C-alpha atoms as a PDB file:
ATOM      1  CA  UNK A   1     -13.302   7.769   1.688  1.00  0.00           C
ATOM      2  CA  UNK A   2     -13.444  10.580  -0.669  1.00  0.00           C
ATOM      3  CA  UNK A   3     -11.686  13.832   0.207  1.00  0.00           C
ATOM      4  CA  UNK A   4     -14.007  16.581   1.625  1.00  0.00           C
ATOM      5  CA  UNK A   5     -12.664  20.166   1.019  1.00  0.00           C
ATOM      6  CA  UNK A   6     -13.750  23.192   3.021  1.00  0.00           C
ATOM      7  CA  UNK A   7     -14.471  24.771  -0.434  1.00  0.00           C
ATOM      8  CA  UNK A   8     -16.618  22.253  -1.740  1.00  0.00           C
ATOM      9  CA  UNK A   9     -19.537  23.424  -3.632  1.00  0.00           C
ATOM     10  CA  UNK A  10     -21.428  23.072  -6.793  1.00  0.00           C
ATOM     11  CA  UNK A  11     -19.586  25.921  -8.280  1.00  0.00           C
ATOM     12  CA  UNK A  12     -16.146  24.725  -7.287  1.00  0.00           C
ATOM     13  CA  UNK A  13     -17.077  21.173  -8.598  1.00  0.00           C
ATOM     14  CA  UNK A  14     -18.075  22.967 -11.920  1.00  0.00           C
ATOM     15  CA  UNK A  15     -14.825  24.790 -12.073  1.00  0.00           C
ATOM     16  CA  UNK A  16     -12.771  21.667 -11.408  1.00  0.00           C
ATOM     17  CA  UNK A  17     -14.658  19.491 -14.039  1.00  0.00           C
ATOM     18  CA  UNK A  18     -13.702  22.373 -16.479  1.00  0.00           C
ATOM     19  CA  UNK A  19     -10.057  21.930 -15.567  1.00  0.00           C
ATOM     20  CA  UNK A  20     -10.264  18.246 -15.795  1.00  0.00           C
ATOM     21  CA  UNK A  21     -11.650  18.566 -19.326  1.00  0.00           C
ATOM     22  CA  UNK A  22      -8.530  20.294 -20.342  1.00  0.00           C
ATOM     23  CA  UNK A  23      -6.363  18.064 -22.481  1.00  0.00           C
ATOM     24  CA  UNK A  24      -3.355  19.901 -23.604  1.00  0.00           C
ATOM     25  CA  UNK A  25      -1.043  22.399 -22.239  1.00  0.00           C
ATOM     26  CA  UNK A  26      -2.317  24.924 -24.942  1.00  0.00           C
ATOM     27  CA  UNK A  27      -5.997  24.277 -23.507  1.00  0.00           C
ATOM     28  CA  UNK A  28      -4.647  25.139 -20.107  1.00  0.00           C
ATOM     29  CA  UNK A  29      -2.830  28.294 -21.290  1.00  0.00           C
ATOM     30  CA  UNK A  30      -5.994  29.537 -23.081  1.00  0.00           C
ATOM     31  CA  UNK A  31      -8.401  28.721 -20.118  1.00  0.00           C
ATOM     32  CA  UNK A  32      -6.112  29.955 -17.336  1.00  0.00           C
ATOM     33  CA  UNK A  33      -5.338  33.206 -19.302  1.00  0.00           C
ATOM     34  CA  UNK A  34      -9.085  33.793 -19.513  1.00  0.00           C
ATOM     35  CA  UNK A  35      -9.808  32.794 -15.860  1.00  0.00           C
ATOM     36  CA  UNK A  36      -6.937  34.184 -13.942  1.00  0.00           C
ATOM     37  CA  UNK A  37      -4.738  37.305 -14.212  1.00  0.00           C
ATOM     38  CA  UNK A  38      -1.269  37.000 -15.210  1.00  0.00           C
ATOM     39  CA  UNK A  39       0.214  37.408 -11.770  1.00  0.00           C
ATOM     40  CA  UNK A  40      -2.103  34.701 -10.307  1.00  0.00           C
ATOM     41  CA  UNK A  41      -0.906  32.204 -12.865  1.00  0.00           C
ATOM     42  CA  UNK A  42       2.771  33.323 -12.282  1.00  0.00           C
ATOM     43  CA  UNK A  43       2.151  32.903  -8.252  1.00  0.00           C
ATOM     44  CA  UNK A  44       0.779  29.369  -8.715  1.00  0.00           C
ATOM     45  CA  UNK A  45       3.524  28.428 -10.923  1.00  0.00           C
ATOM     46  CA  UNK A  46       6.082  29.712  -8.358  1.00  0.00           C
ATOM     47  CA  UNK A  47       4.333  27.968  -5.566  1.00  0.00           C
ATOM     48  CA  UNK A  48       4.638  24.674  -7.452  1.00  0.00           C
ATOM     49  CA  UNK A  49       8.366  25.357  -8.098  1.00  0.00           C
ATOM     50  CA  UNK A  50       8.936  26.166  -4.295  1.00  0.00           C
ATOM     51  CA  UNK A  51       7.225  23.011  -3.262  1.00  0.00           C
ATOM     52  CA  UNK A  52       9.488  21.020  -5.573  1.00  0.00           C
ATOM     53  CA  UNK A  53      12.462  22.701  -3.946  1.00  0.00           C
ATOM     54  CA  UNK A  54      11.459  22.230  -0.709  1.00  0.00           C
ATOM     55  CA  UNK A  55      11.007  18.206  -1.247  1.00  0.00           C
ATOM     56  CA  UNK A  56      14.340  18.450  -2.715  1.00  0.00           C
ATOM     57  CA  UNK A  57      15.690  20.008   0.604  1.00  0.00           C
ATOM     58  CA  UNK A  58      16.612  23.265  -0.885  1.00  0.00           C
ATOM     59  CA  UNK A  59      17.173  26.118   1.756  1.00  0.00           C
ATOM     60  CA  UNK A  60      14.775  29.089   2.136  1.00  0.00           C
ATOM     61  CA  UNK A  61      17.705  31.375   1.036  1.00  0.00           C
ATOM     62  CA  UNK A  62      18.241  29.330  -2.289  1.00  0.00           C
ATOM     63  CA  UNK A  63      14.564  29.147  -3.016  1.00  0.00           C
ATOM     64  CA  UNK A  64      14.148  32.734  -2.479  1.00  0.00           C
ATOM     65  CA  UNK A  65      17.258  33.542  -4.757  1.00  0.00           C
ATOM     66  CA  UNK A  66      16.147  31.274  -7.709  1.00  0.00           C
ATOM     67  CA  UNK A  67      12.520  31.982  -7.608  1.00  0.00           C
ATOM     68  CA  UNK A  68      12.187  35.577  -6.293  1.00  0.00           C
ATOM     69  CA  UNK A  69       9.314  34.483  -3.889  1.00  0.00           C
ATOM     70  CA  UNK A  70       9.123  35.660  -0.377  1.00  0.00           C
ATOM     71  CA  UNK A  71      10.119  33.822   2.812  1.00  0.00           C
ATOM     72  CA  UNK A  72       6.426  34.169   3.664  1.00  0.00           C
ATOM     73  CA  UNK A  73       5.374  32.355   0.308  1.00  0.00           C
ATOM     74  CA  UNK A  74       7.953  29.732   1.211  1.00  0.00           C
ATOM     75  CA  UNK A  75       6.652  29.180   4.557  1.00  0.00           C
ATOM     76  CA  UNK A  76       2.989  28.910   3.351  1.00  0.00           C
ATOM     77  CA  UNK A  77       4.113  26.275   0.901  1.00  0.00           C
ATOM     78  CA  UNK A  78       6.020  24.516   3.401  1.00  0.00           C
ATOM     79  CA  UNK A  79       2.956  24.482   5.826  1.00  0.00           C
ATOM     80  CA  UNK A  80       0.885  23.085   2.986  1.00  0.00           C
ATOM     81  CA  UNK A  81       3.285  20.403   2.465  1.00  0.00           C
ATOM     82  CA  UNK A  82       3.590  19.504   5.996  1.00  0.00           C
ATOM     83  CA  UNK A  83      -0.077  19.922   7.132  1.00  0.00           C
ATOM     84  CA  UNK A  84      -2.302  20.335   3.887  1.00  0.00           C
ATOM     85  CA  UNK A  85      -4.412  18.254   2.014  1.00  0.00           C
ATOM     86  CA  UNK A  86      -1.432  16.408   0.189  1.00  0.00           C
ATOM     87  CA  UNK A  87      -2.165  18.150  -3.201  1.00  0.00           C
ATOM     88  CA  UNK A  88       1.549  18.840  -3.946  1.00  0.00           C
ATOM     89  CA  UNK A  89       2.479  15.363  -3.139  1.00  0.00           C
ATOM     90  CA  UNK A  90      -0.468  13.794  -5.291  1.00  0.00           C
ATOM     91  CA  UNK A  91       0.708  16.056  -8.184  1.00  0.00           C
ATOM     92  CA  UNK A  92       4.348  15.246  -8.009  1.00  0.00           C
ATOM     93  CA  UNK A  93       3.606  11.520  -7.761  1.00  0.00           C
ATOM     94  CA  UNK A  94       1.295  11.792 -10.734  1.00  0.00           C
ATOM     95  CA  UNK A  95       3.841  13.634 -12.764  1.00  0.00           C
ATOM     96  CA  UNK A  96       6.757  11.127 -11.839  1.00  0.00           C
ATOM     97  CA  UNK A  97       4.459   8.231 -13.034  1.00  0.00           C
ATOM     98  CA  UNK A  98       3.598  10.131 -16.196  1.00  0.00           C
ATOM     99  CA  UNK A  99       7.327  10.659 -16.850  1.00  0.00           C
ATOM    100  CA  UNK A 100       8.292   7.065 -16.057  1.00  0.00           C
ATOM    101  CA  UNK A 101       5.446   5.875 -18.326  1.00  0.00           C
ATOM    102  CA  UNK A 102       6.897   8.186 -21.302  1.00  0.00           C
ATOM    103  CA  UNK A 103      10.254   6.639 -20.955  1.00  0.00           C
ATOM    104  CA  UNK A 104       9.103   3.076 -21.245  1.00  0.00           C
END
């Protein structure tokens, strides 16, 4: 069964298709620099870092100290990890598989 997001629409589908068309980090930098503000990009990157640290069993205090994010952001990411759509889990699994493939 395909995942059904509460945000699904033709516009959002088109946006995700555009992201999926990106092939390199440079493509990503160029696209996201045009689409997002600098603070939005940094915030998304921080949330990914927070998720990784939570999965590595880091404490809220360590995460806040190392990333500079608020406890509210850490809690929001934790809630997504526990009750979300498994997006972080999917991304980390794919990154791990890619890394293992590159080592072969």
